[in-house]
Amino acid sequence: MANRILVALKGEAKGFFRAKSTVFWTIAFPLLLILLFGAIFSNTGAGKVDLYVQDLSDSQTSHSFVQHIAAIDSVNLIEINKTIDLDQYIKDHSPTAVLVIPANFAQAFVPGAGLNTTTLLVRLDPTQQSASAVYSIVNGFAEQANLAIAGGTNVITTARGDITNTQFNYIDFFIPGVIALTTMTTTAFWMVSVMTRYRNNGIFKKLTTTPITRAEWLASQILWQLVVVFISVGVIIIVGMLAFNTHMTLNAVAIVTIILSSAAFSSMGMIIARFIHDEESASAAANAITFPMMFLAGIFFPASQFPSWLASVANVLPLTYVGNALRDSMVYNNMSSAVGNMLVVAVFAIILFVAGVLLSKWKTE
């Protein structure tokens, strides 16, 4: 049995290295993926938000208030002259957030003024993610000013810290997801391609005349894909360390998870190709299954942000548990959760492997 698997494994290796374009894309795809998305997401949260301010009060009090907001590193403050028609200005310049300081702003701070109040108007573009951040900044300053006027003290304060003791940035959390994604796309599309090519060329009928079984052949494909996957994983981790100074470790749980996910997605590709004989149609079917999974499994966007019904869909996808296991083990160092997710991946791998073997009928291929 081992000899038959080894012979099939050697055959796939020879075919792989003969196709130079395949070797290139095995390395280039994860490299381009990590550089592209790393460049996009590594600076997430580091940019400034533009806050336009029209000071109708134009007083020393309002100037001081504006200066305190302008001192925040994450805010780029742009002043609008109080004589300008604000509605027309918004039409002409399309600002995301505009703070309007009313004309009676200074009077509200006059000692003994009684119940004088003033209202800051924050006009926001609700389609922009920065809108809530701008409102929180302005509202925080207003609350602090109210506290000072009332002669109150800060009994409760808050401090911000990192979720782990180690300094992590977004790319550290993103790379395990890229590894999970690369494992899925590499193995699933390889199996779809191999299955349709072998069927169209009559190779499966020839394999029925050899001692190798369907389970042994699938095992050889999975073993070869492990080699290809770990080449890609190595590229991702090395580029992440060199280009983005990542802080993750490839430990035993992560390695086992990658092995199990490779088996699961290779088997899934075999199942897809079993029902669709045309190579182009099979690739389209693989895309139809893997593409939604890519976005629903929390690879790019946290599943906690999904609607409840969509989160329920994510909970039945194998890629969700692969990504969770890799993040838990490589980033959070939460081994109990990582092992739990890994065991779910193992269940998926066993079910899909058995289904792939049972559904594959070489004599009718």
Protein backbone atom coordinates (compact mmCIF):
# COMPACT_ATOMS: atom_id res chain seq x y z
CA MET A 1 0.00 0.00 0.00
CA ALA A 2 2.71 2.47 1.00
CA ASN A 3 4.68 1.68 -2.17
CA ARG A 4 1.65 2.32 -4.37
CA ILE A 5 0.98 5.67 -2.69
CA LEU A 6 4.67 6.59 -3.03
CA VAL A 7 4.68 5.76 -6.76
CA ALA A 8 1.58 7.91 -7.35
CA LEU A 9 3.13 10.68 -5.24
CA LYS A 10 6.32 10.67 -7.34
CA GLY A 11 4.25 10.83 -10.51
CA GLU A 12 2.41 13.95 -9.32
CA ALA A 13 5.68 15.58 -8.25
CA LYS A 14 7.23 15.04 -11.69
CA GLY A 15 4.16 16.45 -13.40
CA PHE A 16 4.14 19.45 -11.09
CA PHE A 17 7.76 20.47 -11.67
CA ARG A 18 7.43 19.97 -15.42
CA ALA A 19 4.73 22.65 -15.50
CA LYS A 20 6.79 25.76 -14.81
CA SER A 21 3.72 28.00 -14.72
CA THR A 22 2.23 25.85 -11.97
CA VAL A 23 5.40 26.17 -9.89
CA PHE A 24 5.41 29.92 -10.46
CA TRP A 25 1.82 30.45 -9.36
CA THR A 26 2.24 28.18 -6.35
CA ILE A 27 4.78 30.68 -5.07
CA ALA A 28 3.45 33.86 -6.71
CA PHE A 29 -0.20 33.54 -5.63
CA PRO A 30 0.38 33.59 -1.85
CA LEU A 31 3.16 36.15 -2.32
CA LEU A 32 0.89 38.54 -4.23
CA LEU A 33 -1.98 37.88 -1.83
CA ILE A 34 -0.03 38.69 1.31
CA LEU A 35 1.68 41.74 -0.20
CA LEU A 36 -1.53 43.16 -1.63
CA PHE A 37 -3.79 42.66 1.37
CA GLY A 38 -0.95 43.27 3.79
CA ALA A 39 -0.35 46.69 2.24
CA ILE A 40 -4.08 47.43 2.47
CA PHE A 41 -4.74 46.21 5.99
CA SER A 42 -1.44 46.67 7.81
CA ASN A 43 -2.15 50.36 8.32
CA THR A 44 -5.80 49.90 9.23
CA GLY A 45 -6.74 52.47 11.84
CA ALA A 46 -3.53 54.47 11.36
CA GLY A 47 -5.00 57.07 8.99
CA LYS A 48 -6.65 60.36 9.91
CA VAL A 49 -10.30 61.27 9.54
CA ASP A 50 -11.24 64.64 8.06
CA LEU A 51 -13.42 66.79 10.29
CA TYR A 52 -14.78 70.00 8.79
CA VAL A 53 -15.69 72.68 11.33
CA GLN A 54 -17.86 75.76 10.87
CA ASP A 55 -17.50 77.94 13.96
CA LEU A 56 -20.54 80.26 14.06
CA SER A 57 -19.58 81.42 17.55
CA ASP A 58 -16.11 82.62 16.53
CA SER A 59 -15.23 83.23 20.18
CA GLN A 60 -12.25 82.48 22.38
CA THR A 61 -14.19 79.63 23.97
CA SER A 62 -15.07 78.03 20.64
CA HIS A 63 -11.52 78.53 19.35
CA SER A 64 -10.16 76.70 22.40
CA PHE A 65 -12.65 73.87 21.87
CA VAL A 66 -11.60 73.51 18.23
CA GLN A 67 -7.91 73.58 19.11
CA HIS A 68 -8.33 70.70 21.55
CA ILE A 69 -10.01 68.60 18.86
CA ALA A 70 -7.31 69.54 16.33
CA ALA A 71 -4.67 68.26 18.76
CA ILE A 72 -5.94 64.68 18.36
CA ASP A 73 -3.54 62.70 16.16
CA SER A 74 -6.32 60.84 14.32
CA VAL A 75 -8.18 64.02 13.30
CA ASN A 76 -7.40 66.27 10.34
CA LEU A 77 -9.35 69.44 11.06
CA ILE A 78 -10.51 71.67 8.19
CA GLU A 79 -12.16 74.99 9.01
CA ILE A 80 -15.09 76.44 7.07
CA ASN A 81 -15.64 80.19 7.20
CA LYS A 82 -18.78 81.07 9.13
CA THR A 83 -20.02 83.28 6.28
CA ILE A 84 -20.15 80.38 3.81
CA ASP A 85 -23.46 78.68 3.01
CA LEU A 86 -22.88 75.24 4.57
CA ASP A 87 -25.38 73.32 2.45
CA GLN A 88 -23.80 74.62 -0.74
CA TYR A 89 -20.33 73.87 0.63
CA ILE A 90 -21.35 70.28 1.32
CA LYS A 91 -22.66 69.91 -2.23
CA ASP A 92 -19.43 71.31 -3.67
CA HIS A 93 -16.90 69.45 -1.50
CA SER A 94 -18.71 66.26 -0.29
CA PRO A 95 -17.22 66.20 3.23
CA THR A 96 -17.70 63.09 5.37
CA ALA A 97 -18.19 64.89 8.70
CA VAL A 98 -19.01 68.52 9.53
CA LEU A 99 -19.12 69.98 13.05
CA VAL A 100 -21.24 73.12 13.41
CA ILE A 101 -20.53 75.19 16.53
CA PRO A 102 -23.60 77.35 17.23
CA ALA A 103 -23.47 81.11 17.70
CA ASN A 104 -24.47 80.84 21.40
CA PHE A 105 -21.65 78.44 22.24
CA ALA A 106 -19.65 80.88 24.41
CA GLN A 107 -22.72 82.07 26.36
CA ALA A 108 -23.29 78.58 27.74
CA PHE A 109 -19.96 78.81 29.58
CA VAL A 110 -20.65 82.14 31.29
CA PRO A 111 -20.66 81.68 35.11
CA GLY A 112 -24.10 82.16 36.61
CA ALA A 113 -25.76 81.93 33.22
CA GLY A 114 -28.37 79.61 34.65
CA LEU A 115 -29.78 76.93 32.43
CA ASN A 116 -28.26 78.20 29.20
CA THR A 117 -27.44 75.33 26.90
CA THR A 118 -25.88 74.95 23.50
CA THR A 119 -26.03 72.18 20.93
CA LEU A 120 -23.15 71.03 18.75
CA LEU A 121 -24.42 69.75 15.41
CA VAL A 122 -22.43 66.96 13.80
CA ARG A 123 -23.52 66.29 10.22
CA LEU A 124 -22.25 62.89 9.07
CA ASP A 125 -22.19 60.73 5.97
CA PRO A 126 -23.71 57.47 7.35
CA THR A 127 -22.13 55.40 4.58
CA GLN A 128 -18.62 56.11 5.90
CA GLN A 129 -17.11 53.92 8.64
CA SER A 130 -15.37 56.96 10.16
CA ALA A 131 -18.72 58.65 10.89
CA SER A 132 -19.25 56.98 14.27
CA ALA A 133 -15.64 57.67 15.27
CA VAL A 134 -16.01 61.39 14.54
CA TYR A 135 -19.25 61.60 16.51
CA SER A 136 -17.65 59.79 19.46
CA ILE A 137 -14.74 62.26 19.49
CA VAL A 138 -16.98 65.33 19.47
CA ASN A 139 -19.40 63.84 21.99
CA GLY A 140 -16.51 62.93 24.28
CA PHE A 141 -15.25 66.51 24.29
CA ALA A 142 -18.77 67.80 24.99
CA GLU A 143 -19.18 65.44 27.96
CA GLN A 144 -15.81 66.47 29.34
CA ALA A 145 -16.78 70.16 29.06
CA ASN A 146 -20.08 69.47 30.88
CA LEU A 147 -18.19 67.71 33.64
CA ALA A 148 -15.78 70.63 34.03
CA ILE A 149 -18.59 73.22 34.16
CA ALA A 150 -20.46 71.19 36.77
CA GLY A 151 -17.32 71.01 38.91
CA GLY A 152 -17.29 67.23 38.73
CA THR A 153 -14.32 64.89 38.96
CA ASN A 154 -13.33 61.87 36.87
CA VAL A 155 -14.21 59.04 39.25
CA ILE A 156 -14.12 56.42 36.47
CA THR A 157 -11.52 56.48 33.71
CA THR A 158 -10.68 54.01 30.96
CA ALA A 159 -7.38 52.74 29.64
CA ARG A 160 -6.73 51.01 26.33
CA GLY A 161 -4.45 48.01 26.01
CA ASP A 162 -3.70 45.26 23.52
CA ILE A 163 -5.77 42.09 23.62
CA THR A 164 -2.60 40.03 24.23
CA ASN A 165 0.63 40.75 26.08
CA THR A 166 2.53 40.67 22.80
CA GLN A 167 2.34 43.63 20.44
CA PHE A 168 0.24 42.48 17.48
CA ASN A 169 -0.99 44.41 14.49
CA TYR A 170 -3.74 43.58 12.02
CA ILE A 171 -1.47 41.66 9.65
CA ASP A 172 -0.67 39.18 12.44
CA PHE A 173 -4.36 38.31 12.62
CA PHE A 174 -4.78 38.37 8.84
CA ILE A 175 -1.97 35.97 7.85
CA PRO A 176 -3.50 32.82 9.44
CA GLY A 177 -6.63 33.53 7.42
CA VAL A 178 -4.56 33.81 4.26
CA ILE A 179 -2.93 30.47 5.06
CA ALA A 180 -6.37 28.88 5.49
CA LEU A 181 -7.57 30.46 2.23
CA THR A 182 -4.46 29.36 0.31
CA THR A 183 -4.86 25.80 1.60
CA MET A 184 -8.45 25.68 0.37
CA THR A 185 -7.86 27.18 -3.08
CA THR A 186 -4.65 25.26 -3.78
CA THR A 187 -6.00 21.82 -2.91
CA ALA A 188 -9.59 22.14 -4.14
CA PHE A 189 -8.69 23.55 -7.55
CA TRP A 190 -5.83 21.07 -7.99
CA MET A 191 -8.15 18.14 -7.42
CA VAL A 192 -10.78 19.55 -9.76
CA SER A 193 -8.13 19.97 -12.45
CA VAL A 194 -6.59 16.51 -11.93
CA MET A 195 -9.93 14.72 -11.81
CA THR A 196 -11.28 16.28 -15.01
CA ARG A 197 -7.96 15.82 -16.84
CA TYR A 198 -7.64 12.17 -15.82
CA ARG A 199 -11.24 11.51 -16.81
CA ASN A 200 -10.99 13.22 -20.22
CA ASN A 201 -7.71 11.45 -21.01
CA GLY A 202 -8.99 8.02 -19.96
CA ILE A 203 -6.39 7.69 -17.19
CA PHE A 204 -8.93 6.53 -14.61
CA LYS A 205 -9.86 3.55 -16.76
CA LYS A 206 -6.18 2.65 -16.95
CA LEU A 207 -5.84 2.99 -13.17
CA THR A 208 -8.49 0.27 -12.75
CA THR A 209 -5.98 -2.16 -14.27
CA THR A 210 -3.40 -1.33 -11.58
CA PRO A 211 -3.29 -2.49 -7.94
CA ILE A 212 -3.80 1.06 -6.57
CA THR A 213 -7.18 1.74 -4.92
CA ARG A 214 -9.23 4.93 -4.96
CA ALA A 215 -8.39 5.59 -1.30
CA GLU A 216 -4.66 5.15 -1.98
CA TRP A 217 -4.80 7.41 -5.02
CA LEU A 218 -6.64 10.13 -3.09
CA ALA A 219 -4.13 9.76 -0.24
CA SER A 220 -1.25 10.29 -2.69
CA GLN A 221 -2.95 13.44 -4.01
CA ILE A 222 -3.42 14.76 -0.49
CA LEU A 223 0.21 14.05 0.42
CA TRP A 224 1.47 15.87 -2.67
CA GLN A 225 -0.80 18.81 -2.00
CA LEU A 226 0.63 19.00 1.50
CA VAL A 227 4.05 19.62 -0.06
CA VAL A 228 2.61 22.36 -2.28
CA VAL A 229 0.62 23.90 0.58
CA PHE A 230 3.60 24.06 2.92
CA ILE A 231 5.65 25.73 0.18
CA SER A 232 2.94 28.39 0.01
CA VAL A 233 2.72 28.63 3.80
CA GLY A 234 6.48 29.10 4.02
CA VAL A 235 6.31 31.93 1.48
CA ILE A 236 3.47 33.61 3.39
CA ILE A 237 5.22 33.45 6.76
CA ILE A 238 8.62 34.56 5.43
CA VAL A 239 7.12 37.51 3.52
CA GLY A 240 5.01 38.40 6.56
CA MET A 241 8.09 38.46 8.78
CA LEU A 242 10.27 40.40 6.35
CA ALA A 243 7.71 42.87 5.00
CA PHE A 244 5.35 43.34 7.95
CA ASN A 245 7.30 42.19 11.03
CA THR A 246 4.75 39.56 12.06
CA HIS A 247 4.94 37.81 15.44
CA MET A 248 3.36 34.40 14.86
CA THR A 249 4.64 30.85 15.30
CA LEU A 250 3.96 27.73 13.25
CA ASN A 251 3.36 25.24 16.08
CA ALA A 252 2.22 21.60 16.12
CA VAL A 253 -1.49 22.41 16.30
CA ALA A 254 -1.23 24.75 13.31
CA ILE A 255 0.68 22.14 11.31
CA VAL A 256 -1.88 19.42 12.06
CA THR A 257 -4.69 21.82 11.17
CA ILE A 258 -3.08 22.57 7.80
CA ILE A 259 -2.66 18.83 7.12
CA LEU A 260 -6.29 18.08 8.00
CA SER A 261 -7.61 21.04 6.00
CA SER A 262 -5.55 19.95 3.00
CA ALA A 263 -7.19 16.51 3.20
CA ALA A 264 -10.65 18.04 3.59
CA PHE A 265 -10.42 20.46 0.68
CA SER A 266 -8.68 17.95 -1.61
CA SER A 267 -11.57 15.58 -0.98
CA MET A 268 -14.04 18.39 -1.56
CA GLY A 269 -12.44 19.09 -4.95
CA MET A 270 -12.72 15.40 -5.81
CA ILE A 271 -16.43 15.43 -4.97
CA ILE A 272 -17.06 18.55 -7.07
CA ALA A 273 -15.28 17.06 -10.09
CA ARG A 274 -17.19 13.79 -9.73
CA PHE A 275 -20.49 15.43 -10.68
CA ILE A 276 -19.21 17.87 -13.33
CA HIS A 277 -17.22 16.30 -16.13
CA ASP A 278 -16.24 19.33 -18.17
CA GLU A 279 -13.02 20.95 -16.90
CA GLU A 280 -14.18 24.55 -17.39
CA SER A 281 -17.53 23.86 -15.73
CA ALA A 282 -15.81 22.05 -12.86
CA SER A 283 -13.56 25.05 -12.22
CA ALA A 284 -16.61 27.32 -12.26
CA ALA A 285 -18.36 25.04 -9.78
CA ALA A 286 -15.29 25.09 -7.53
CA ASN A 287 -15.34 28.89 -7.68
CA ALA A 288 -19.03 28.93 -6.83
CA ILE A 289 -18.33 26.94 -3.64
CA THR A 290 -15.00 28.39 -2.51
CA PHE A 291 -15.64 32.06 -3.35
CA PRO A 292 -18.62 32.55 -0.97
CA MET A 293 -16.78 30.52 1.67
CA MET A 294 -13.85 32.92 1.34
CA PHE A 295 -15.99 35.84 2.55
CA LEU A 296 -18.35 34.01 4.91
CA ALA A 297 -15.68 32.19 6.94
CA GLY A 298 -14.23 35.29 8.60
CA ILE A 299 -11.02 35.39 6.56
CA PHE A 300 -11.26 39.09 5.66
CA PHE A 301 -14.11 40.24 7.90
CA PRO A 302 -14.85 39.05 11.47
CA ALA A 303 -17.87 36.75 11.56
CA SER A 304 -19.07 38.67 14.65
CA GLN A 305 -20.00 41.53 12.32
CA PHE A 306 -22.35 39.33 10.27
CA PRO A 307 -26.14 39.25 10.73
CA SER A 308 -27.21 36.33 12.91
CA TRP A 309 -28.52 34.25 9.99
CA LEU A 310 -25.28 34.77 8.07
CA ALA A 311 -23.21 33.88 11.13
CA SER A 312 -25.18 30.62 11.30
CA VAL A 313 -24.09 29.86 7.73
CA ALA A 314 -20.47 30.57 8.66
CA ASN A 315 -20.71 28.03 11.49
CA VAL A 316 -21.21 25.14 9.07
CA LEU A 317 -18.29 26.01 6.77
CA PRO A 318 -15.04 24.04 7.21
CA LEU A 319 -12.93 27.11 6.33
CA THR A 320 -14.34 28.91 9.39
CA TYR A 321 -12.84 26.32 11.73
CA VAL A 322 -9.55 26.20 9.82
CA GLY A 323 -9.13 29.97 10.16
CA ASN A 324 -10.16 29.91 13.83
CA ALA A 325 -7.78 27.06 14.67
CA LEU A 326 -4.85 28.80 12.98
CA ARG A 327 -5.54 32.14 14.67
CA ASP A 328 -6.05 30.54 18.08
CA SER A 329 -2.79 28.62 17.84
CA MET A 330 -0.57 31.05 15.91
CA VAL A 331 -1.74 34.39 17.32
CA TYR A 332 -3.79 34.08 20.52
CA ASN A 333 -1.91 31.06 21.90
CA ASN A 334 -5.32 29.74 23.01
CA MET A 335 -4.52 26.07 22.61
CA SER A 336 -7.73 24.68 24.09
CA SER A 337 -9.85 26.58 21.57
CA ALA A 338 -7.37 25.79 18.79
CA VAL A 339 -7.58 22.04 19.49
CA GLY A 340 -11.39 22.23 19.57
CA ASN A 341 -11.48 23.89 16.16
CA MET A 342 -8.86 21.47 14.86
CA LEU A 343 -11.02 18.50 15.88
CA VAL A 344 -13.95 19.97 13.92
CA VAL A 345 -11.64 20.24 10.89
CA ALA A 346 -10.67 16.59 11.45
CA VAL A 347 -14.35 15.58 11.35
CA PHE A 348 -14.83 17.48 8.09
CA ALA A 349 -11.69 15.82 6.66
CA ILE A 350 -12.88 12.30 7.52
CA ILE A 351 -16.40 12.85 6.17
CA LEU A 352 -15.21 14.44 2.92
CA PHE A 353 -12.45 11.83 2.41
CA VAL A 354 -14.88 8.93 2.80
CA ALA A 355 -17.43 10.66 0.57
CA GLY A 356 -14.80 11.33 -2.09
CA VAL A 357 -13.70 7.70 -2.14
CA LEU A 358 -17.25 6.32 -2.22
CA LEU A 359 -18.50 8.72 -4.89
CA SER A 360 -15.54 8.13 -7.21
CA LYS A 361 -16.25 5.31 -9.68
CA TRP A 362 -13.23 4.77 -11.91
CA LYS A 363 -14.89 2.19 -14.11
CA THR A 364 -17.53 4.70 -15.17
CA GLU A 365 -15.22 7.69 -15.43
